[in-house]
Amino acid sequence: MSAAVTLDAIKARCAVDGECWIWTGAKNHGKPCIAVCIDGKRVNLPAQKQAMEAAGKASPWGGPIKARCDNDQCCNPAHLIQTRHASALRFAGNPYAQLLQGGRA
């Protein structure tokens, strides 16, 4: 369930500082969020995840998103990467999490 958010809509809510797109819109727990309507209801979605999806870079496993520029408000998809943590995989009940990280089960 993803709303169609364009990169232009995200960039319009950012202040461009060099290559970084610094989010100036709403925040949820300090993280950039964008409000969209889905089935007539207003929903706040993570702006960085929406930027990655609009750029075609989102991973199907949907790990946490970090900015390579170390600015947690940056929404430039060229700066965003999805990470994964073995602890998050173990928490989800994945018995192979240590193998994915190069450890032993």
Protein backbone atom coordinates (compact mmCIF):
# COMPACT_ATOMS: atom_id res chain seq x y z
CA MET A 1 0.00 0.00 0.00
CA SER A 2 2.07 2.84 -1.28
CA ALA A 3 0.76 6.16 -2.46
CA ALA A 4 2.18 7.71 -5.61
CA VAL A 5 4.55 10.38 -4.32
CA THR A 6 6.84 11.97 -6.89
CA LEU A 7 10.40 13.14 -6.39
CA ASP A 8 9.25 16.64 -7.39
CA ALA A 9 6.71 16.63 -4.53
CA ILE A 10 9.39 15.57 -2.07
CA LYS A 11 11.98 18.04 -3.36
CA ALA A 12 9.38 20.85 -3.14
CA ARG A 13 9.29 20.31 0.65
CA CYS A 14 13.09 20.42 0.95
CA ALA A 15 15.71 23.13 1.12
CA VAL A 16 18.46 22.22 -1.35
CA ASP A 17 21.88 22.56 0.27
CA GLY A 18 24.54 21.46 -2.23
CA GLU A 19 23.56 17.91 -3.13
CA CYS A 20 21.46 17.37 0.01
CA TRP A 21 17.69 17.83 0.08
CA ILE A 22 17.07 18.94 3.66
CA TRP A 23 13.50 18.17 4.73
CA THR A 24 11.54 21.22 5.88
CA GLY A 25 8.13 19.57 6.05
CA ALA A 26 6.41 17.67 8.84
CA LYS A 27 8.27 15.21 11.04
CA ASN A 28 7.18 12.16 12.98
CA HIS A 29 9.49 11.34 15.92
CA GLY A 30 12.14 13.56 14.30
CA LYS A 31 12.01 11.71 10.96
CA PRO A 32 10.78 13.33 7.72
CA CYS A 33 7.21 12.33 6.87
CA ILE A 34 4.85 13.23 4.08
CA ALA A 35 1.05 13.20 4.36
CA VAL A 36 -0.91 11.50 1.60
CA CYS A 37 -4.50 10.35 1.11
CA ILE A 38 -5.07 6.61 0.79
CA ASP A 39 -8.66 5.47 0.35
CA GLY A 40 -9.87 8.86 1.57
CA LYS A 41 -7.81 8.74 4.78
CA ARG A 42 -4.81 10.89 5.61
CA VAL A 43 -1.70 8.83 6.28
CA ASN A 44 1.81 9.98 7.23
CA LEU A 45 4.47 8.06 5.30
CA PRO A 46 8.27 8.19 5.74
CA ALA A 47 9.50 10.76 3.21
CA GLN A 48 12.89 9.07 2.75
CA LYS A 49 11.27 5.73 1.94
CA GLN A 50 8.91 7.44 -0.51
CA ALA A 51 11.90 9.15 -2.17
CA MET A 52 13.63 5.79 -2.60
CA GLU A 53 10.48 4.20 -4.03
CA ALA A 54 9.97 7.09 -6.45
CA ALA A 55 13.58 6.72 -7.62
CA GLY A 56 13.17 2.94 -7.99
CA LYS A 57 15.77 2.17 -5.29
CA ALA A 58 13.61 0.66 -2.54
CA SER A 59 14.49 -2.87 -1.52
CA PRO A 60 11.71 -5.46 -1.17
CA TRP A 61 12.86 -6.45 2.33
CA GLY A 62 12.45 -2.85 3.49
CA GLY A 63 15.25 -2.34 5.99
CA PRO A 64 15.93 0.90 7.87
CA ILE A 65 16.98 3.86 5.72
CA LYS A 66 20.16 5.84 6.37
CA ALA A 67 21.65 8.83 4.55
CA ARG A 68 25.22 8.43 3.33
CA CYS A 69 25.76 12.15 3.94
CA ASP A 70 25.08 11.60 7.68
CA ASN A 71 22.21 14.11 7.63
CA ASP A 72 19.12 12.31 8.96
CA GLN A 73 16.89 14.97 7.33
CA CYS A 74 18.29 14.45 3.80
CA CYS A 75 15.77 13.08 1.27
CA ASN A 76 17.97 12.97 -1.84
CA PRO A 77 17.57 9.38 -3.12
CA ALA A 78 21.20 9.43 -4.30
CA HIS A 79 22.24 9.76 -0.63
CA LEU A 80 19.84 7.15 0.79
CA ILE A 81 20.56 3.47 1.38
CA GLN A 82 18.61 0.71 3.07
CA THR A 83 20.48 -1.18 5.76
CA ARG A 84 19.82 -4.41 7.54
CA HIS A 85 20.74 -5.61 10.98
CA ALA A 86 21.09 -9.20 12.13
CA SER A 87 19.27 -8.33 15.35
CA ALA A 88 16.28 -7.06 13.37
CA LEU A 89 16.23 -10.26 11.32
CA ARG A 90 16.46 -12.41 14.45
CA PHE A 91 13.68 -10.44 16.08
CA ALA A 92 11.47 -11.18 13.09
CA GLY A 93 12.03 -14.90 13.72
CA ASN A 94 14.58 -15.51 10.98
CA PRO A 95 16.73 -18.49 12.08
CA TYR A 96 19.27 -17.76 9.30
CA ALA A 97 20.05 -14.18 10.36
CA GLN A 98 23.58 -15.00 11.54
CA LEU A 99 24.35 -16.79 8.27
CA LEU A 100 23.24 -13.72 6.33
CA GLN A 101 25.70 -11.64 8.33
CA GLY A 102 28.58 -14.15 7.88
CA GLY A 103 28.30 -15.81 11.32
CA ARG A 104 27.41 -19.31 12.37
CA ALA A 105 23.94 -20.49 13.29
